[in-house]
Amino acid sequence: MARDPRHDRVYRIHFAALGWANQVGHSDFKGERLAEILVDKNGVIPDAPNVSRAIRKAKEIGLIGQESKAACLVLPSYMFQKAHVGSRTCSVHNLSRAA
């Protein structure tokens, strides 16, 4: 759903956070990867200001955590938990948790 341009970009941000999240709710995107996921129906990759606006709006309406940025979307722990699936680290936020 994150890749589906029929959805509003702000919800696609939330879907990307869910779909790529590790055990601690961090979705660590490298470089322009998030923008590439958010490509529109014409194949145009959104520029950084458009991605930032969508992230800001997703934060405002509570779809992602306030510490989120294009490099790593974060889901609040009250919203997201995984039972031993994915890593427990985030290089963007310098987070490392023991299993």
PDB file of N, CA and C in Angstrom:
ATOM      1  N   MET A   1       0.816  -1.197   0.000  1.00  0.00           N
ATOM      2  CA  MET A   1       0.000   0.000   0.000  1.00  0.00           C
ATOM      3  C   MET A   1       0.859   1.260   0.000  1.00  0.00           C
ATOM      4  N   ALA A   2       2.052   1.191   0.558  1.00  0.00           N
ATOM      5  CA  ALA A   2       2.949   2.345   0.552  1.00  0.00           C
ATOM      6  C   ALA A   2       3.327   2.741  -0.876  1.00  0.00           C
ATOM      7  N   ARG A   3       3.386   1.774  -1.762  1.00  0.00           N
ATOM      8  CA  ARG A   3       3.764   2.033  -3.151  1.00  0.00           C
ATOM      9  C   ARG A   3       2.576   2.398  -4.042  1.00  0.00           C
ATOM     10  N   ASP A   4       1.379   2.328  -3.520  1.00  0.00           N
ATOM     11  CA  ASP A   4       0.173   2.537  -4.314  1.00  0.00           C
ATOM     12  C   ASP A   4      -0.174   4.028  -4.408  1.00  0.00           C
ATOM     13  N   PRO A   5       0.007   4.647  -5.578  1.00  0.00           N
ATOM     14  CA  PRO A   5      -0.231   6.087  -5.712  1.00  0.00           C
ATOM     15  C   PRO A   5      -1.699   6.493  -5.617  1.00  0.00           C
ATOM     16  N   ARG A   6      -2.606   5.538  -5.512  1.00  0.00           N
ATOM     17  CA  ARG A   6      -4.027   5.892  -5.328  1.00  0.00           C
ATOM     18  C   ARG A   6      -4.288   6.428  -3.924  1.00  0.00           C
ATOM     19  N   HIS A   7      -3.400   6.110  -2.985  1.00  0.00           N
ATOM     20  CA  HIS A   7      -3.547   6.601  -1.609  1.00  0.00           C
ATOM     21  C   HIS A   7      -2.860   7.959  -1.473  1.00  0.00           C
ATOM     22  N   ASP A   8      -3.378   8.788  -0.569  1.00  0.00           N
ATOM     23  CA  ASP A   8      -2.725  10.063  -0.277  1.00  0.00           C
ATOM     24  C   ASP A   8      -1.334   9.790   0.274  1.00  0.00           C
ATOM     25  N   ARG A   9      -0.401  10.667  -0.055  1.00  0.00           N
ATOM     26  CA  ARG A   9       0.993  10.468   0.345  1.00  0.00           C
ATOM     27  C   ARG A   9       1.155  10.350   1.857  1.00  0.00           C
ATOM     28  N   VAL A  10       0.382  11.096   2.636  1.00  0.00           N
ATOM     29  CA  VAL A  10       0.518  11.043   4.090  1.00  0.00           C
ATOM     30  C   VAL A  10       0.212   9.634   4.615  1.00  0.00           C
ATOM     31  N   TYR A  11      -0.766   8.965   4.025  1.00  0.00           N
ATOM     32  CA  TYR A  11      -1.073   7.596   4.447  1.00  0.00           C
ATOM     33  C   TYR A  11      -0.048   6.609   3.906  1.00  0.00           C
ATOM     34  N   ARG A  12       0.517   6.897   2.760  1.00  0.00           N
ATOM     35  CA  ARG A  12       1.567   6.045   2.211  1.00  0.00           C
ATOM     36  C   ARG A  12       2.799   6.085   3.121  1.00  0.00           C
ATOM     37  N   ILE A  13       3.044   7.247   3.743  1.00  0.00           N
ATOM     38  CA  ILE A  13       4.124   7.375   4.735  1.00  0.00           C
ATOM     39  C   ILE A  13       3.855   6.405   5.892  1.00  0.00           C
ATOM     40  N   HIS A  14       2.632   6.398   6.379  1.00  0.00           N
ATOM     41  CA  HIS A  14       2.258   5.500   7.480  1.00  0.00           C
ATOM     42  C   HIS A  14       2.406   4.034   7.055  1.00  0.00           C
ATOM     43  N   PHE A  15       1.942   3.698   5.863  1.00  0.00           N
ATOM     44  CA  PHE A  15       2.059   2.327   5.374  1.00  0.00           C
ATOM     45  C   PHE A  15       3.527   1.925   5.244  1.00  0.00           C
ATOM     46  N   ALA A  16       4.379   2.847   4.810  1.00  0.00           N
ATOM     47  CA  ALA A  16       5.814   2.553   4.703  1.00  0.00           C
ATOM     48  C   ALA A  16       6.403   2.309   6.091  1.00  0.00           C
ATOM     49  N   ALA A  17       5.999   3.121   7.057  1.00  0.00           N
ATOM     50  CA  ALA A  17       6.480   2.928   8.428  1.00  0.00           C
ATOM     51  C   ALA A  17       6.091   1.547   8.943  1.00  0.00           C
ATOM     52  N   LEU A  18       4.864   1.136   8.675  1.00  0.00           N
ATOM     53  CA  LEU A  18       4.405  -0.187   9.100  1.00  0.00           C
ATOM     54  C   LEU A  18       5.124  -1.303   8.345  1.00  0.00           C
ATOM     55  N   GLY A  19       5.218  -1.155   7.054  1.00  0.00           N
ATOM     56  CA  GLY A  19       5.752  -2.231   6.212  1.00  0.00           C
ATOM     57  C   GLY A  19       7.229  -2.497   6.370  1.00  0.00           C
ATOM     58  N   TRP A  20       7.998  -1.477   6.710  1.00  0.00           N
ATOM     59  CA  TRP A  20       9.447  -1.644   6.804  1.00  0.00           C
ATOM     60  C   TRP A  20       9.939  -1.607   8.243  1.00  0.00           C
ATOM     61  N   ALA A  21       9.044  -1.621   9.223  1.00  0.00           N
ATOM     62  CA  ALA A  21       9.435  -1.492  10.630  1.00  0.00           C
ATOM     63  C   ALA A  21      10.167  -2.721  11.146  1.00  0.00           C
ATOM     64  N   ASN A  22      11.151  -2.476  12.002  1.00  0.00           N
ATOM     65  CA  ASN A  22      11.838  -3.567  12.690  1.00  0.00           C
ATOM     66  C   ASN A  22      11.150  -3.805  14.039  1.00  0.00           C
ATOM     67  N   GLN A  23      11.761  -4.550  14.928  1.00  0.00           N
ATOM     68  CA  GLN A  23      11.136  -4.893  16.214  1.00  0.00           C
ATOM     69  C   GLN A  23      10.849  -3.693  17.100  1.00  0.00           C
ATOM     70  N   VAL A  24      11.578  -2.625  16.926  1.00  0.00           N
ATOM     71  CA  VAL A  24      11.383  -1.448  17.771  1.00  0.00           C
ATOM     72  C   VAL A  24      10.602  -0.348  17.055  1.00  0.00           C
ATOM     73  N   GLY A  25       9.990  -0.682  15.916  1.00  0.00           N
ATOM     74  CA  GLY A  25       9.140   0.266  15.212  1.00  0.00           C
ATOM     75  C   GLY A  25       9.866   1.299  14.386  1.00  0.00           C
ATOM     76  N   HIS A  26      11.133   1.046  14.071  1.00  0.00           N
ATOM     77  CA  HIS A  26      11.908   1.954  13.228  1.00  0.00           C
ATOM     78  C   HIS A  26      12.006   1.383  11.819  1.00  0.00           C
ATOM     79  N   SER A  27      11.769   2.232  10.844  1.00  0.00           N
ATOM     80  CA  SER A  27      11.897   1.866   9.431  1.00  0.00           C
ATOM     81  C   SER A  27      13.066   2.642   8.867  1.00  0.00           C
ATOM     82  N   ASP A  28      14.212   2.036   8.866  1.00  0.00           N
ATOM     83  CA  ASP A  28      15.475   2.681   8.499  1.00  0.00           C
ATOM     84  C   ASP A  28      15.627   2.686   6.977  1.00  0.00           C
ATOM     85  N   PHE A  29      15.359   3.840   6.346  1.00  0.00           N
ATOM     86  CA  PHE A  29      15.481   3.989   4.895  1.00  0.00           C
ATOM     87  C   PHE A  29      16.828   4.598   4.569  1.00  0.00           C
ATOM     88  N   LYS A  30      17.465   4.049   3.575  1.00  0.00           N
ATOM     89  CA  LYS A  30      18.777   4.548   3.152  1.00  0.00           C
ATOM     90  C   LYS A  30      18.611   5.495   1.965  1.00  0.00           C
ATOM     91  N   GLY A  31      19.237   6.653   2.022  1.00  0.00           N
ATOM     92  CA  GLY A  31      19.240   7.582   0.893  1.00  0.00           C
ATOM     93  C   GLY A  31      17.853   8.000   0.440  1.00  0.00           C
ATOM     94  N   GLU A  32      17.591   7.886  -0.840  1.00  0.00           N
ATOM     95  CA  GLU A  32      16.330   8.306  -1.431  1.00  0.00           C
ATOM     96  C   GLU A  32      15.301   7.185  -1.460  1.00  0.00           C
ATOM     97  N   ARG A  33      15.517   6.119  -0.763  1.00  0.00           N
ATOM     98  CA  ARG A  33      14.632   4.953  -0.836  1.00  0.00           C
ATOM     99  C   ARG A  33      13.174   5.291  -0.515  1.00  0.00           C
ATOM    100  N   LEU A  34      12.904   6.081   0.514  1.00  0.00           N
ATOM    101  CA  LEU A  34      11.528   6.429   0.844  1.00  0.00           C
ATOM    102  C   LEU A  34      10.884   7.185  -0.312  1.00  0.00           C
ATOM    103  N   ALA A  35      11.586   8.139  -0.869  1.00  0.00           N
ATOM    104  CA  ALA A  35      11.056   8.887  -2.013  1.00  0.00           C
ATOM    105  C   ALA A  35      10.744   7.953  -3.177  1.00  0.00           C
ATOM    106  N   GLU A  36      11.589   6.956  -3.390  1.00  0.00           N
ATOM    107  CA  GLU A  36      11.360   6.000  -4.472  1.00  0.00           C
ATOM    108  C   GLU A  36      10.111   5.163  -4.214  1.00  0.00           C
ATOM    109  N   ILE A  37       9.821   4.858  -2.966  1.00  0.00           N
ATOM    110  CA  ILE A  37       8.604   4.129  -2.607  1.00  0.00           C
ATOM    111  C   ILE A  37       7.377   4.989  -2.889  1.00  0.00           C
ATOM    112  N   LEU A  38       7.514   6.298  -2.736  1.00  0.00           N
ATOM    113  CA  LEU A  38       6.396   7.230  -2.872  1.00  0.00           C
ATOM    114  C   LEU A  38       6.203   7.755  -4.295  1.00  0.00           C
ATOM    115  N   VAL A  39       6.759   7.069  -5.275  1.00  0.00           N
ATOM    116  CA  VAL A  39       6.644   7.490  -6.674  1.00  0.00           C
ATOM    117  C   VAL A  39       5.166   7.656  -7.048  1.00  0.00           C
ATOM    118  N   ASP A  40       4.848   8.679  -7.849  1.00  0.00           N
ATOM    119  CA  ASP A  40       3.446   8.919  -8.212  1.00  0.00           C
ATOM    120  C   ASP A  40       3.007   8.058  -9.393  1.00  0.00           C
ATOM    121  N   LYS A  41       1.754   8.198  -9.815  1.00  0.00           N
ATOM    122  CA  LYS A  41       1.202   7.349 -10.868  1.00  0.00           C
ATOM    123  C   LYS A  41       1.876   7.559 -12.220  1.00  0.00           C
ATOM    124  N   ASN A  42       2.594   8.680 -12.378  1.00  0.00           N
ATOM    125  CA  ASN A  42       3.323   8.954 -13.616  1.00  0.00           C
ATOM    126  C   ASN A  42       4.783   8.532 -13.543  1.00  0.00           C
ATOM    127  N   GLY A  43       5.165   7.898 -12.432  1.00  0.00           N
ATOM    128  CA  GLY A  43       6.544   7.455 -12.266  1.00  0.00           C
ATOM    129  C   GLY A  43       7.493   8.523 -11.759  1.00  0.00           C
ATOM    130  N   VAL A  44       6.946   9.645 -11.303  1.00  0.00           N
ATOM    131  CA  VAL A  44       7.774  10.750 -10.804  1.00  0.00           C
ATOM    132  C   VAL A  44       8.063  10.540  -9.316  1.00  0.00           C
ATOM    133  N   ILE A  45       9.342  10.578  -8.977  1.00  0.00           N
ATOM    134  CA  ILE A  45       9.770  10.461  -7.575  1.00  0.00           C
ATOM    135  C   ILE A  45       9.625  11.837  -6.924  1.00  0.00           C
ATOM    136  N   PRO A  46       8.939  11.931  -5.784  1.00  0.00           N
ATOM    137  CA  PRO A  46       8.772  13.238  -5.134  1.00  0.00           C
ATOM    138  C   PRO A  46      10.106  13.790  -4.638  1.00  0.00           C
ATOM    139  N   ASP A  47      10.227  15.112  -4.699  1.00  0.00           N
ATOM    140  CA  ASP A  47      11.449  15.740  -4.210  1.00  0.00           C
ATOM    141  C   ASP A  47      11.426  15.812  -2.679  1.00  0.00           C
ATOM    142  N   ALA A  48      12.565  16.151  -2.102  1.00  0.00           N
ATOM    143  CA  ALA A  48      12.714  16.170  -0.642  1.00  0.00           C
ATOM    144  C   ALA A  48      11.695  17.070   0.057  1.00  0.00           C
ATOM    145  N   PRO A  49      11.413  18.291  -0.447  1.00  0.00           N
ATOM    146  CA  PRO A  49      10.417  19.124   0.240  1.00  0.00           C
ATOM    147  C   PRO A  49       9.024  18.489   0.285  1.00  0.00           C
ATOM    148  N   ASN A  50       8.633  17.797  -0.782  1.00  0.00           N
ATOM    149  CA  ASN A  50       7.323  17.139  -0.791  1.00  0.00           C
ATOM    150  C   ASN A  50       7.283  15.960   0.179  1.00  0.00           C
ATOM    151  N   VAL A  51       8.361  15.219   0.256  1.00  0.00           N
ATOM    152  CA  VAL A  51       8.431  14.110   1.218  1.00  0.00           C
ATOM    153  C   VAL A  51       8.392  14.672   2.637  1.00  0.00           C
ATOM    154  N   SER A  52       9.138  15.741   2.882  1.00  0.00           N
ATOM    155  CA  SER A  52       9.157  16.359   4.211  1.00  0.00           C
ATOM    156  C   SER A  52       7.778  16.872   4.619  1.00  0.00           C
ATOM    157  N   ARG A  53       7.045  17.466   3.684  1.00  0.00           N
ATOM    158  CA  ARG A  53       5.692  17.943   3.977  1.00  0.00           C
ATOM    159  C   ARG A  53       4.778  16.780   4.371  1.00  0.00           C
ATOM    160  N   ALA A  54       4.878  15.683   3.648  1.00  0.00           N
ATOM    161  CA  ALA A  54       4.047  14.513   3.954  1.00  0.00           C
ATOM    162  C   ALA A  54       4.406  13.936   5.325  1.00  0.00           C
ATOM    163  N   ILE A  55       5.687  13.901   5.647  1.00  0.00           N
ATOM    164  CA  ILE A  55       6.127  13.413   6.958  1.00  0.00           C
ATOM    165  C   ILE A  55       5.604  14.336   8.054  1.00  0.00           C
ATOM    166  N   ARG A  56       5.713  15.630   7.850  1.00  0.00           N
ATOM    167  CA  ARG A  56       5.223  16.604   8.831  1.00  0.00           C
ATOM    168  C   ARG A  56       3.717  16.413   9.080  1.00  0.00           C
ATOM    169  N   LYS A  57       2.945  16.240   8.004  1.00  0.00           N
ATOM    170  CA  LYS A  57       1.497  16.037   8.128  1.00  0.00           C
ATOM    171  C   LYS A  57       1.196  14.719   8.854  1.00  0.00           C
ATOM    172  N   ALA A  58       1.947  13.653   8.518  1.00  0.00           N
ATOM    173  CA  ALA A  58       1.747  12.356   9.183  1.00  0.00           C
ATOM    174  C   ALA A  58       2.021  12.475  10.683  1.00  0.00           C
ATOM    175  N   LYS A  59       3.016  13.270  11.065  1.00  0.00           N
ATOM    176  CA  LYS A  59       3.288  13.514  12.485  1.00  0.00           C
ATOM    177  C   LYS A  59       2.121  14.257  13.125  1.00  0.00           C
ATOM    178  N   GLU A  60       1.632  15.298  12.428  1.00  0.00           N
ATOM    179  CA  GLU A  60       0.548  16.127  12.959  1.00  0.00           C
ATOM    180  C   GLU A  60      -0.706  15.312  13.252  1.00  0.00           C
ATOM    181  N   ILE A  61      -1.006  14.331  12.423  1.00  0.00           N
ATOM    182  CA  ILE A  61      -2.242  13.560  12.623  1.00  0.00           C
ATOM    183  C   ILE A  61      -1.990  12.232  13.335  1.00  0.00           C
ATOM    184  N   GLY A  62      -0.768  12.044  13.860  1.00  0.00           N
ATOM    185  CA  GLY A  62      -0.475  10.912  14.727  1.00  0.00           C
ATOM    186  C   GLY A  62      -0.226   9.581  14.034  1.00  0.00           C
ATOM    187  N   LEU A  63       0.113   9.614  12.749  1.00  0.00           N
ATOM    188  CA  LEU A  63       0.385   8.369  12.027  1.00  0.00           C
ATOM    189  C   LEU A  63       1.789   7.832  12.259  1.00  0.00           C
ATOM    190  N   ILE A  64       2.713   8.716  12.621  1.00  0.00           N
ATOM    191  CA  ILE A  64       4.101   8.341  12.902  1.00  0.00           C
ATOM    192  C   ILE A  64       4.594   9.173  14.086  1.00  0.00           C
ATOM    193  N   GLY A  65       5.704   8.736  14.687  1.00  0.00           N
ATOM    194  CA  GLY A  65       6.276   9.436  15.831  1.00  0.00           C
ATOM    195  C   GLY A  65       6.954  10.742  15.460  1.00  0.00           C
ATOM    196  N   GLN A  66       7.060  11.620  16.431  1.00  0.00           N
ATOM    197  CA  GLN A  66       7.655  12.937  16.229  1.00  0.00           C
ATOM    198  C   GLN A  66       9.129  12.882  15.829  1.00  0.00           C
ATOM    199  N   GLU A  67       9.834  11.812  16.186  1.00  0.00           N
ATOM    200  CA  GLU A  67      11.257  11.707  15.844  1.00  0.00           C
ATOM    201  C   GLU A  67      11.483  11.220  14.416  1.00  0.00           C
ATOM    202  N   SER A  68      10.417  10.949  13.695  1.00  0.00           N
ATOM    203  CA  SER A  68      10.522  10.462  12.319  1.00  0.00           C
ATOM    204  C   SER A  68      11.143  11.489  11.391  1.00  0.00           C
ATOM    205  N   LYS A  69      11.839  10.979  10.398  1.00  0.00           N
ATOM    206  CA  LYS A  69      12.414  11.786   9.326  1.00  0.00           C
ATOM    207  C   LYS A  69      12.490  10.899   8.097  1.00  0.00           C
ATOM    208  N   ALA A  70      12.864  11.447   6.963  1.00  0.00           N
ATOM    209  CA  ALA A  70      12.883  10.679   5.713  1.00  0.00           C
ATOM    210  C   ALA A  70      13.798   9.461   5.795  1.00  0.00           C
ATOM    211  N   ALA A  71      14.859   9.565   6.551  1.00  0.00           N
ATOM    212  CA  ALA A  71      15.798   8.449   6.662  1.00  0.00           C
ATOM    213  C   ALA A  71      15.262   7.322   7.538  1.00  0.00           C
ATOM    214  N   CYS A  72      14.332   7.643   8.444  1.00  0.00           N
ATOM    215  CA  CYS A  72      13.782   6.631   9.346  1.00  0.00           C
ATOM    216  C   CYS A  72      12.425   7.086   9.881  1.00  0.00           C
ATOM    217  N   LEU A  73      11.404   6.354   9.509  1.00  0.00           N
ATOM    218  CA  LEU A  73      10.075   6.603  10.063  1.00  0.00           C
ATOM    219  C   LEU A  73       9.948   5.778  11.333  1.00  0.00           C
ATOM    220  N   VAL A  74       9.343   6.363  12.359  1.00  0.00           N
ATOM    221  CA  VAL A  74       9.239   5.701  13.656  1.00  0.00           C
ATOM    222  C   VAL A  74       7.773   5.598  14.062  1.00  0.00           C
ATOM    223  N   LEU A  75       7.385   4.404  14.469  1.00  0.00           N
ATOM    224  CA  LEU A  75       6.042   4.179  15.003  1.00  0.00           C
ATOM    225  C   LEU A  75       6.125   4.181  16.523  1.00  0.00           C
ATOM    226  N   PRO A  76       5.250   4.916  17.198  1.00  0.00           N
ATOM    227  CA  PRO A  76       5.254   4.910  18.665  1.00  0.00           C
ATOM    228  C   PRO A  76       4.990   3.500  19.194  1.00  0.00           C
ATOM    229  N   SER A  77       5.568   3.155  20.325  1.00  0.00           N
ATOM    230  CA  SER A  77       5.434   1.808  20.873  1.00  0.00           C
ATOM    231  C   SER A  77       3.987   1.463  21.208  1.00  0.00           C
ATOM    232  N   TYR A  78       3.161   2.447  21.571  1.00  0.00           N
ATOM    233  CA  TYR A  78       1.761   2.152  21.861  1.00  0.00           C
ATOM    234  C   TYR A  78       0.990   1.742  20.605  1.00  0.00           C
ATOM    235  N   MET A  79       1.555   2.057  19.432  1.00  0.00           N
ATOM    236  CA  MET A  79       0.891   1.766  18.169  1.00  0.00           C
ATOM    237  C   MET A  79       1.420   0.494  17.515  1.00  0.00           C
ATOM    238  N   PHE A  80       2.658   0.131  17.824  1.00  0.00           N
ATOM    239  CA  PHE A  80       3.300  -0.926  17.062  1.00  0.00           C
ATOM    240  C   PHE A  80       4.180  -1.797  17.943  1.00  0.00           C
ATOM    241  N   GLN A  81       4.029  -3.103  17.793  1.00  0.00           N
ATOM    242  CA  GLN A  81       4.894  -4.071  18.463  1.00  0.00           C
ATOM    243  C   GLN A  81       5.071  -5.264  17.549  1.00  0.00           C
ATOM    244  N   LYS A  82       6.256  -5.812  17.522  1.00  0.00           N
ATOM    245  CA  LYS A  82       6.515  -7.027  16.754  1.00  0.00           C
ATOM    246  C   LYS A  82       7.114  -8.056  17.698  1.00  0.00           C
ATOM    247  N   ALA A  83       6.731  -9.287  17.542  1.00  0.00           N
ATOM    248  CA  ALA A  83       7.242 -10.355  18.383  1.00  0.00           C
ATOM    249  C   ALA A  83       8.433 -11.017  17.703  1.00  0.00           C
ATOM    250  N   HIS A  84       9.599 -10.499  17.951  1.00  0.00           N
ATOM    251  CA  HIS A  84      10.858 -11.094  17.496  1.00  0.00           C
ATOM    252  C   HIS A  84      11.017 -11.144  15.980  1.00  0.00           C
ATOM    253  N   VAL A  85      10.456 -10.193  15.245  1.00  0.00           N
ATOM    254  CA  VAL A  85      10.614 -10.136  13.797  1.00  0.00           C
ATOM    255  C   VAL A  85      11.354  -8.856  13.457  1.00  0.00           C
ATOM    256  N   GLY A  86      12.439  -8.966  12.721  1.00  0.00           N
ATOM    257  CA  GLY A  86      13.218  -7.787  12.354  1.00  0.00           C
ATOM    258  C   GLY A  86      14.297  -7.472  13.370  1.00  0.00           C
ATOM    259  N   SER A  87      15.095  -6.470  13.043  1.00  0.00           N
ATOM    260  CA  SER A  87      16.195  -6.098  13.930  1.00  0.00           C
ATOM    261  C   SER A  87      15.686  -5.253  15.095  1.00  0.00           C
ATOM    262  N   ARG A  88      16.562  -5.037  16.063  1.00  0.00           N
ATOM    263  CA  ARG A  88      16.232  -4.196  17.211  1.00  0.00           C
ATOM    264  C   ARG A  88      17.145  -2.979  17.242  1.00  0.00           C
ATOM    265  N   THR A  89      17.641  -2.584  16.068  1.00  0.00           N
ATOM    266  CA  THR A  89      18.568  -1.458  15.982  1.00  0.00           C
ATOM    267  C   THR A  89      18.067  -0.446  14.958  1.00  0.00           C
ATOM    268  N   CYS A  90      18.613   0.746  15.024  1.00  0.00           N
ATOM    269  CA  CYS A  90      18.352   1.783  14.033  1.00  0.00           C
ATOM    270  C   CYS A  90      19.605   2.630  13.899  1.00  0.00           C
ATOM    271  N   SER A  91      20.264   2.540  12.753  1.00  0.00           N
ATOM    272  CA  SER A  91      21.504   3.295  12.551  1.00  0.00           C
ATOM    273  C   SER A  91      21.241   4.794  12.460  1.00  0.00           C
ATOM    274  N   VAL A  92      20.078   5.204  11.986  1.00  0.00           N
ATOM    275  CA  VAL A  92      19.752   6.628  11.860  1.00  0.00           C
ATOM    276  C   VAL A  92      19.611   7.274  13.222  1.00  0.00           C
ATOM    277  N   HIS A  93      18.966   6.598  14.164  1.00  0.00           N
ATOM    278  CA  HIS A  93      18.767   7.128  15.503  1.00  0.00           C
ATOM    279  C   HIS A  93      19.776   6.591  16.515  1.00  0.00           C
ATOM    280  N   ASN A  94      20.787   5.884  16.030  1.00  0.00           N
ATOM    281  CA  ASN A  94      21.846   5.338  16.862  1.00  0.00           C
ATOM    282  C   ASN A  94      21.258   4.523  18.019  1.00  0.00           C
ATOM    283  N   LEU A  95      20.376   3.611  17.670  1.00  0.00           N
ATOM    284  CA  LEU A  95      19.656   2.814  18.653  1.00  0.00           C
ATOM    285  C   LEU A  95      20.081   1.361  18.537  1.00  0.00           C
ATOM    286  N   SER A  96      20.444   0.775  19.653  1.00  0.00           N
ATOM    287  CA  SER A  96      20.805  -0.634  19.694  1.00  0.00           C
ATOM    288  C   SER A  96      20.266  -1.222  20.968  1.00  0.00           C
ATOM    289  N   ARG A  97      19.378  -2.207  20.831  1.00  0.00           N
ATOM    290  CA  ARG A  97      18.771  -2.824  22.012  1.00  0.00           C
ATOM    291  C   ARG A  97      19.091  -4.304  22.011  1.00  0.00           C
ATOM    292  N   ALA A  98      19.427  -4.785  23.167  1.00  0.00           N
ATOM    293  CA  ALA A  98      19.703  -6.221  23.315  1.00  0.00           C
ATOM    294  C   ALA A  98      18.417  -7.012  23.167  1.00  0.00           C
ATOM    295  N   ALA A  99      18.552  -8.219  22.658  1.00  0.00           N
ATOM    296  CA  ALA A  99      17.368  -9.081  22.455  1.00  0.00           C
ATOM    297  C   ALA A  99      16.776  -9.527  23.760  1.00  0.00           C
TER     298      ALA A  99
END
